[in-house]
Amino acid sequence: MEVPLEITYRNVEKSEDIDQLIREKAAKLDGMHDRITSCRVSVEKPQEHQRSGNNYRVRIDMRVPPGKELVVRREAGDGDMHDPLRSLITEAFKKISKQLKKVKGKQQETGRPDSRTPSGQMQTPESDLDLPMDTES
């Protein structure tokens, strides 16, 4: 990843266990697509007066070239309020993994992951290379 992984907790106590799970899942995604620009993971729980039970939300925002933003949001539904946070995180990463595979597949079909070479310079279309040079002054 070009930008370090960002993990944010809202109304949830930070946990090294959860941090480690998120870092492991993000590292797997980074191995799938070597051009991930950024990845932000938010772990939150609504205010206590809004809902009861263990109703967590997990949101993953990821950017890949050329300007693609992938977003996944998972939350425990009414019937599964007792799902642990770990399973929501795992589900969210599975979902974004599918999106990332789809984007990568489309990029491979076109033959280029983005409009820049690894050095960061713009690619010149092959058709432009075959044009005769104007030698008149």
N, C-alpha and C. Protein backbone atom coordinates (compact mmCIF):
# COMPACT_ATOMS: atom_id res chain seq x y z
N MET A 1 0.83 -1.18 0.00
CA MET A 1 0.00 0.00 0.00
C MET A 1 0.88 1.24 0.00
N GLU A 2 0.45 2.23 -0.76
CA GLU A 2 1.21 3.47 -0.82
C GLU A 2 1.06 4.29 0.46
N VAL A 3 -0.13 4.26 1.05
CA VAL A 3 -0.40 4.97 2.30
C VAL A 3 -0.65 3.91 3.37
N PRO A 4 -0.09 4.06 4.57
CA PRO A 4 -0.30 3.05 5.61
C PRO A 4 -1.78 2.84 5.92
N LEU A 5 -2.10 1.62 6.30
CA LEU A 5 -3.45 1.25 6.71
C LEU A 5 -3.92 2.14 7.85
N GLU A 6 -5.15 2.64 7.76
CA GLU A 6 -5.74 3.46 8.83
C GLU A 6 -6.88 2.67 9.48
N ILE A 7 -6.83 2.56 10.80
CA ILE A 7 -7.90 1.89 11.55
C ILE A 7 -8.48 2.88 12.54
N THR A 8 -9.80 3.05 12.48
CA THR A 8 -10.48 4.00 13.36
C THR A 8 -11.53 3.27 14.18
N TYR A 9 -11.60 3.62 15.46
CA TYR A 9 -12.62 3.06 16.36
C TYR A 9 -13.54 4.18 16.81
N ARG A 10 -14.85 3.94 16.73
CA ARG A 10 -15.84 4.91 17.23
C ARG A 10 -16.79 4.19 18.18
N ASN A 11 -16.81 4.63 19.42
CA ASN A 11 -17.64 4.03 20.46
C ASN A 11 -17.30 2.56 20.70
N VAL A 12 -16.08 2.18 20.34
CA VAL A 12 -15.59 0.82 20.54
C VAL A 12 -14.20 0.95 21.13
N GLU A 13 -13.94 0.18 22.17
CA GLU A 13 -12.62 0.22 22.79
C GLU A 13 -11.61 -0.44 21.84
N LYS A 14 -10.48 0.23 21.64
CA LYS A 14 -9.44 -0.30 20.76
C LYS A 14 -8.91 -1.61 21.33
N SER A 15 -8.71 -2.57 20.42
CA SER A 15 -8.25 -3.88 20.83
C SER A 15 -7.09 -4.32 19.94
N GLU A 16 -6.01 -4.78 20.55
CA GLU A 16 -4.86 -5.27 19.78
C GLU A 16 -5.25 -6.49 18.97
N ASP A 17 -6.14 -7.30 19.52
CA ASP A 17 -6.62 -8.49 18.84
C ASP A 17 -7.33 -8.12 17.52
N ILE A 18 -8.22 -7.14 17.60
CA ILE A 18 -8.96 -6.69 16.42
C ILE A 18 -8.02 -5.97 15.45
N ASP A 19 -7.12 -5.15 15.97
CA ASP A 19 -6.11 -4.49 15.13
C ASP A 19 -5.32 -5.52 14.33
N GLN A 20 -4.87 -6.57 14.99
CA GLN A 20 -4.08 -7.61 14.34
C GLN A 20 -4.89 -8.32 13.25
N LEU A 21 -6.15 -8.63 13.53
CA LEU A 21 -7.01 -9.27 12.53
C LEU A 21 -7.15 -8.38 11.29
N ILE A 22 -7.40 -7.09 11.50
CA ILE A 22 -7.56 -6.16 10.39
C ILE A 22 -6.26 -6.06 9.60
N ARG A 23 -5.13 -5.97 10.28
CA ARG A 23 -3.84 -5.87 9.59
C ARG A 23 -3.54 -7.13 8.75
N GLU A 24 -3.87 -8.29 9.29
CA GLU A 24 -3.66 -9.54 8.54
C GLU A 24 -4.52 -9.58 7.29
N LYS A 25 -5.80 -9.21 7.44
CA LYS A 25 -6.72 -9.22 6.29
C LYS A 25 -6.29 -8.19 5.24
N ALA A 26 -5.84 -7.03 5.68
CA ALA A 26 -5.39 -5.99 4.74
C ALA A 26 -4.12 -6.43 4.02
N ALA A 27 -3.24 -7.12 4.71
CA ALA A 27 -2.00 -7.60 4.08
C ALA A 27 -2.32 -8.61 2.98
N LYS A 28 -3.33 -9.44 3.18
CA LYS A 28 -3.74 -10.39 2.14
C LYS A 28 -4.24 -9.65 0.91
N LEU A 29 -5.01 -8.59 1.12
CA LEU A 29 -5.50 -7.79 0.00
C LEU A 29 -4.34 -7.13 -0.74
N ASP A 30 -3.37 -6.65 0.01
CA ASP A 30 -2.21 -6.01 -0.59
C ASP A 30 -1.44 -7.01 -1.46
N GLY A 31 -1.46 -8.27 -1.08
CA GLY A 31 -0.83 -9.31 -1.87
C GLY A 31 -1.60 -9.62 -3.15
N MET A 32 -2.90 -9.38 -3.14
CA MET A 32 -3.74 -9.62 -4.32
C MET A 32 -3.56 -8.55 -5.39
N HIS A 33 -3.36 -7.32 -4.95
CA HIS A 33 -3.28 -6.19 -5.88
C HIS A 33 -2.18 -5.27 -5.37
N ASP A 34 -1.08 -5.19 -6.11
CA ASP A 34 0.09 -4.46 -5.62
C ASP A 34 0.00 -2.95 -5.79
N ARG A 35 -1.11 -2.45 -6.30
CA ARG A 35 -1.23 -1.00 -6.53
C ARG A 35 -2.29 -0.35 -5.64
N ILE A 36 -2.63 -0.96 -4.51
CA ILE A 36 -3.60 -0.35 -3.60
C ILE A 36 -3.01 0.96 -3.09
N THR A 37 -3.76 2.03 -3.26
CA THR A 37 -3.26 3.35 -2.87
C THR A 37 -3.49 3.60 -1.38
N SER A 38 -4.69 3.25 -0.90
CA SER A 38 -4.99 3.47 0.52
C SER A 38 -6.08 2.51 0.97
N CYS A 39 -6.13 2.29 2.28
CA CYS A 39 -7.16 1.45 2.88
C CYS A 39 -7.48 1.99 4.27
N ARG A 40 -8.76 2.31 4.47
CA ARG A 40 -9.22 2.80 5.77
C ARG A 40 -10.29 1.86 6.30
N VAL A 41 -10.15 1.46 7.55
CA VAL A 41 -11.13 0.57 8.17
C VAL A 41 -11.70 1.28 9.39
N SER A 42 -13.03 1.37 9.44
CA SER A 42 -13.72 1.98 10.59
C SER A 42 -14.50 0.89 11.32
N VAL A 43 -14.31 0.83 12.62
CA VAL A 43 -15.05 -0.09 13.47
C VAL A 43 -15.86 0.78 14.41
N GLU A 44 -17.17 0.62 14.37
CA GLU A 44 -17.99 1.50 15.21
C GLU A 44 -19.18 0.77 15.79
N LYS A 45 -19.72 1.39 16.81
CA LYS A 45 -20.92 0.88 17.47
C LYS A 45 -21.83 2.07 17.67
N PRO A 46 -23.11 1.96 17.28
CA PRO A 46 -24.02 3.08 17.48
C PRO A 46 -24.14 3.43 18.96
N GLN A 47 -24.57 4.65 19.22
CA GLN A 47 -24.77 5.08 20.60
C GLN A 47 -25.69 4.10 21.32
N GLU A 48 -25.45 3.89 22.60
CA GLU A 48 -26.22 2.92 23.38
C GLU A 48 -27.72 3.20 23.34
N HIS A 49 -28.12 4.47 23.31
CA HIS A 49 -29.55 4.78 23.31
C HIS A 49 -30.20 4.51 21.95
N GLN A 50 -29.40 4.32 20.90
CA GLN A 50 -29.97 4.07 19.58
C GLN A 50 -30.34 2.61 19.40
N ARG A 51 -29.53 1.71 19.91
CA ARG A 51 -29.76 0.28 19.73
C ARG A 51 -29.26 -0.47 20.94
N SER A 52 -29.75 -1.68 21.08
CA SER A 52 -29.25 -2.53 22.17
C SER A 52 -28.54 -3.72 21.56
N GLY A 53 -27.79 -4.44 22.38
CA GLY A 53 -27.05 -5.60 21.90
C GLY A 53 -25.69 -5.21 21.37
N ASN A 54 -25.05 -6.16 20.70
CA ASN A 54 -23.72 -5.95 20.15
C ASN A 54 -23.82 -5.60 18.67
N ASN A 55 -24.40 -4.47 18.37
CA ASN A 55 -24.63 -4.09 16.98
C ASN A 55 -23.46 -3.25 16.47
N TYR A 56 -22.46 -3.90 15.93
CA TYR A 56 -21.28 -3.23 15.40
C TYR A 56 -21.44 -2.94 13.92
N ARG A 57 -20.67 -1.99 13.44
CA ARG A 57 -20.56 -1.68 12.01
C ARG A 57 -19.09 -1.68 11.63
N VAL A 58 -18.81 -2.21 10.45
CA VAL A 58 -17.45 -2.19 9.92
C VAL A 58 -17.54 -1.62 8.51
N ARG A 59 -16.69 -0.65 8.24
CA ARG A 59 -16.65 -0.02 6.92
C ARG A 59 -15.21 -0.03 6.42
N ILE A 60 -15.04 -0.43 5.16
CA ILE A 60 -13.71 -0.44 4.54
C ILE A 60 -13.77 0.45 3.30
N ASP A 61 -12.88 1.42 3.24
CA ASP A 61 -12.73 2.31 2.07
C ASP A 61 -11.36 2.03 1.49
N MET A 62 -11.32 1.70 0.21
CA MET A 62 -10.05 1.38 -0.44
C MET A 62 -9.96 2.10 -1.78
N ARG A 63 -8.78 2.55 -2.11
CA ARG A 63 -8.55 3.20 -3.41
C ARG A 63 -7.49 2.43 -4.18
N VAL A 64 -7.78 2.24 -5.47
CA VAL A 64 -6.83 1.62 -6.39
C VAL A 64 -6.82 2.44 -7.68
N PRO A 65 -5.69 2.46 -8.37
CA PRO A 65 -5.63 3.22 -9.62
C PRO A 65 -6.52 2.58 -10.68
N PRO A 66 -7.02 3.31 -11.62
CA PRO A 66 -6.93 4.75 -11.77
C PRO A 66 -8.15 5.44 -11.15
N GLY A 67 -8.05 5.83 -9.93
CA GLY A 67 -9.11 6.57 -9.26
C GLY A 67 -10.32 5.76 -8.85
N LYS A 68 -10.16 4.46 -8.68
CA LYS A 68 -11.28 3.60 -8.26
C LYS A 68 -11.37 3.61 -6.74
N GLU A 69 -12.60 3.77 -6.24
CA GLU A 69 -12.82 3.69 -4.80
C GLU A 69 -13.76 2.52 -4.53
N LEU A 70 -13.32 1.61 -3.68
CA LEU A 70 -14.11 0.46 -3.29
C LEU A 70 -14.57 0.69 -1.86
N VAL A 71 -15.86 0.46 -1.61
CA VAL A 71 -16.40 0.69 -0.27
C VAL A 71 -17.28 -0.50 0.12
N VAL A 72 -17.07 -0.98 1.33
CA VAL A 72 -17.89 -2.05 1.88
C VAL A 72 -18.33 -1.64 3.27
N ARG A 73 -19.59 -1.89 3.56
CA ARG A 73 -20.10 -1.61 4.90
C ARG A 73 -20.89 -2.83 5.36
N ARG A 74 -20.51 -3.38 6.49
CA ARG A 74 -21.19 -4.53 7.07
C ARG A 74 -21.65 -4.16 8.46
N GLU A 75 -22.84 -4.59 8.79
CA GLU A 75 -23.32 -4.39 10.16
C GLU A 75 -24.22 -5.54 10.55
N ALA A 76 -24.28 -5.80 11.85
CA ALA A 76 -25.14 -6.86 12.35
C ALA A 76 -26.58 -6.44 12.12
N GLY A 77 -27.36 -7.31 11.54
CA GLY A 77 -28.77 -7.00 11.30
C GLY A 77 -29.62 -7.29 12.52
N ASP A 78 -30.91 -7.07 12.37
CA ASP A 78 -31.82 -7.29 13.49
C ASP A 78 -31.79 -8.74 13.99
N GLY A 79 -31.69 -9.68 13.07
CA GLY A 79 -31.71 -11.08 13.45
C GLY A 79 -30.39 -11.60 13.97
N ASP A 80 -29.31 -10.91 13.70
CA ASP A 80 -27.99 -11.42 14.10
C ASP A 80 -27.22 -10.41 14.94
N MET A 81 -27.87 -9.79 15.90
CA MET A 81 -27.21 -8.78 16.73
C MET A 81 -26.12 -9.36 17.61
N HIS A 82 -26.09 -10.66 17.73
CA HIS A 82 -25.09 -11.27 18.61
C HIS A 82 -23.87 -11.74 17.84
N ASP A 83 -23.79 -11.42 16.55
CA ASP A 83 -22.60 -11.76 15.78
C ASP A 83 -21.41 -11.03 16.37
N PRO A 84 -20.33 -11.72 16.58
CA PRO A 84 -19.15 -11.04 17.12
C PRO A 84 -18.53 -10.10 16.09
N LEU A 85 -17.82 -9.15 16.60
CA LEU A 85 -17.16 -8.16 15.76
C LEU A 85 -16.20 -8.82 14.78
N ARG A 86 -15.50 -9.85 15.22
CA ARG A 86 -14.55 -10.55 14.35
C ARG A 86 -15.22 -11.08 13.08
N SER A 87 -16.42 -11.63 13.22
CA SER A 87 -17.08 -12.19 12.04
C SER A 87 -17.52 -11.08 11.08
N LEU A 88 -17.92 -9.93 11.61
CA LEU A 88 -18.28 -8.80 10.73
C LEU A 88 -17.06 -8.30 9.97
N ILE A 89 -15.93 -8.24 10.64
CA ILE A 89 -14.69 -7.82 9.98
C ILE A 89 -14.33 -8.81 8.87
N THR A 90 -14.42 -10.09 9.17
CA THR A 90 -14.11 -11.12 8.18
C THR A 90 -15.05 -11.02 6.98
N GLU A 91 -16.35 -10.84 7.23
CA GLU A 91 -17.32 -10.68 6.14
C GLU A 91 -17.00 -9.46 5.29
N ALA A 92 -16.67 -8.36 5.93
CA ALA A 92 -16.37 -7.13 5.20
C ALA A 92 -15.15 -7.32 4.30
N PHE A 93 -14.12 -7.97 4.81
CA PHE A 93 -12.92 -8.19 4.01
C PHE A 93 -13.18 -9.19 2.87
N LYS A 94 -14.05 -10.17 3.09
CA LYS A 94 -14.41 -11.08 2.00
C LYS A 94 -15.10 -10.32 0.88
N LYS A 95 -16.00 -9.43 1.28
CA LYS A 95 -16.76 -8.65 0.28
C LYS A 95 -15.83 -7.72 -0.51
N ILE A 96 -14.94 -7.03 0.18
CA ILE A 96 -14.04 -6.11 -0.54
C ILE A 96 -13.03 -6.90 -1.37
N SER A 97 -12.69 -8.09 -0.94
CA SER A 97 -11.80 -8.95 -1.72
C SER A 97 -12.44 -9.29 -3.07
N LYS A 98 -13.73 -9.58 -3.06
CA LYS A 98 -14.46 -9.86 -4.30
C LYS A 98 -14.45 -8.65 -5.22
N GLN A 99 -14.68 -7.47 -4.64
CA GLN A 99 -14.66 -6.24 -5.44
C GLN A 99 -13.27 -6.01 -6.04
N LEU A 100 -12.24 -6.24 -5.24
CA LEU A 100 -10.87 -6.03 -5.69
C LEU A 100 -10.51 -7.00 -6.83
N LYS A 101 -10.94 -8.26 -6.70
CA LYS A 101 -10.71 -9.24 -7.77
C LYS A 101 -11.40 -8.81 -9.06
N LYS A 102 -12.60 -8.28 -8.93
CA LYS A 102 -13.35 -7.84 -10.10
C LYS A 102 -12.62 -6.68 -10.80
N VAL A 103 -12.17 -5.71 -10.02
CA VAL A 103 -11.44 -4.56 -10.59
C VAL A 103 -10.14 -5.04 -11.24
N LYS A 104 -9.43 -5.92 -10.55
CA LYS A 104 -8.16 -6.42 -11.10
C LYS A 104 -8.40 -7.19 -12.40
N GLY A 105 -9.46 -7.99 -12.45
CA GLY A 105 -9.80 -8.72 -13.66
C GLY A 105 -10.08 -7.80 -14.83
N LYS A 106 -10.82 -6.74 -14.58
CA LYS A 106 -11.10 -5.76 -15.63
C LYS A 106 -9.84 -5.07 -16.09
N GLN A 107 -8.95 -4.76 -15.15
CA GLN A 107 -7.69 -4.11 -15.50
C GLN A 107 -6.82 -5.04 -16.33
N GLN A 108 -6.82 -6.33 -16.02
CA GLN A 108 -6.02 -7.28 -16.79
C GLN A 108 -6.59 -7.47 -18.19
N GLU A 109 -7.92 -7.39 -18.32
CA GLU A 109 -8.55 -7.51 -19.63
C GLU A 109 -8.10 -6.39 -20.56
N THR A 110 -7.95 -5.19 -20.01
CA THR A 110 -7.53 -4.06 -20.83
C THR A 110 -6.03 -4.04 -21.05
N GLY A 111 -5.30 -4.85 -20.30
CA GLY A 111 -3.86 -4.95 -20.49
C GLY A 111 -3.03 -3.97 -19.72
N ARG A 112 -3.65 -3.14 -18.91
CA ARG A 112 -2.85 -2.22 -18.10
C ARG A 112 -3.61 -1.87 -16.81
N PRO A 113 -2.91 -1.85 -15.70
CA PRO A 113 -3.57 -1.58 -14.42
C PRO A 113 -4.00 -0.14 -14.26
N ASP A 114 -3.30 0.80 -14.89
CA ASP A 114 -3.69 2.20 -14.84
C ASP A 114 -2.99 2.93 -15.97
N SER A 115 -3.10 4.23 -16.00
CA SER A 115 -2.55 4.99 -17.12
C SER A 115 -1.11 5.42 -16.92
N ARG A 116 -0.44 4.89 -15.91
CA ARG A 116 0.94 5.29 -15.64
C ARG A 116 1.85 4.07 -15.65
N THR A 117 3.07 4.28 -16.01
CA THR A 117 4.06 3.23 -15.92
C THR A 117 4.53 3.14 -14.48
N PRO A 118 5.24 2.06 -14.09
CA PRO A 118 5.71 1.98 -12.70
C PRO A 118 6.56 3.17 -12.29
N SER A 119 7.23 3.82 -13.21
CA SER A 119 8.06 4.95 -12.85
C SER A 119 7.24 6.21 -12.61
N GLY A 120 5.94 6.16 -12.94
CA GLY A 120 5.07 7.31 -12.71
C GLY A 120 4.93 8.20 -13.92
N GLN A 121 5.56 7.83 -15.06
CA GLN A 121 5.43 8.64 -16.26
C GLN A 121 4.25 8.16 -17.07
N MET A 122 3.65 9.06 -17.81
CA MET A 122 2.50 8.70 -18.64
C MET A 122 2.95 7.76 -19.75
N GLN A 123 2.11 6.76 -20.06
CA GLN A 123 2.41 5.88 -21.16
C GLN A 123 2.06 6.56 -22.46
N THR A 124 2.81 6.25 -23.49
CA THR A 124 2.53 6.77 -24.82
C THR A 124 1.86 5.66 -25.60
N PRO A 125 0.65 5.87 -26.11
CA PRO A 125 -0.02 4.83 -26.89
C PRO A 125 0.86 4.41 -28.06
N GLU A 126 0.84 3.12 -28.38
CA GLU A 126 1.68 2.60 -29.46
C GLU A 126 1.38 3.30 -30.78
N SER A 127 0.14 3.68 -31.02
CA SER A 127 -0.21 4.33 -32.28
C SER A 127 0.52 5.67 -32.42
N ASP A 128 0.79 6.34 -31.31
CA ASP A 128 1.52 7.61 -31.36
C ASP A 128 2.99 7.40 -31.72
N LEU A 129 3.53 6.23 -31.41
CA LEU A 129 4.94 5.97 -31.68
C LEU A 129 5.20 5.77 -33.18
N ASP A 130 4.17 5.38 -33.94
CA ASP A 130 4.35 5.10 -35.35
C ASP A 130 4.16 6.33 -36.23
N LEU A 131 3.84 7.46 -35.66
CA LEU A 131 3.59 8.66 -36.46
C LEU A 131 4.92 9.22 -36.98
N PRO A 132 4.94 9.64 -38.26
CA PRO A 132 6.17 10.24 -38.78
C PRO A 132 6.40 11.59 -38.12
N MET A 133 7.66 11.91 -37.92
CA MET A 133 8.01 13.18 -37.30
C MET A 133 7.98 14.27 -38.36
N ASP A 134 7.53 15.44 -38.00
CA ASP A 134 7.49 16.58 -38.90
C ASP A 134 8.89 17.21 -38.92
N THR A 135 9.54 17.16 -40.06
CA THR A 135 10.92 17.65 -40.15
C THR A 135 11.00 19.04 -40.75
N GLU A 136 9.87 19.65 -41.13
CA GLU A 136 9.90 21.00 -41.70
C GLU A 136 10.12 22.02 -40.61
N SER A 137 10.88 23.08 -40.94
CA SER A 137 11.16 24.12 -39.95
C SER A 137 10.41 25.36 -40.28
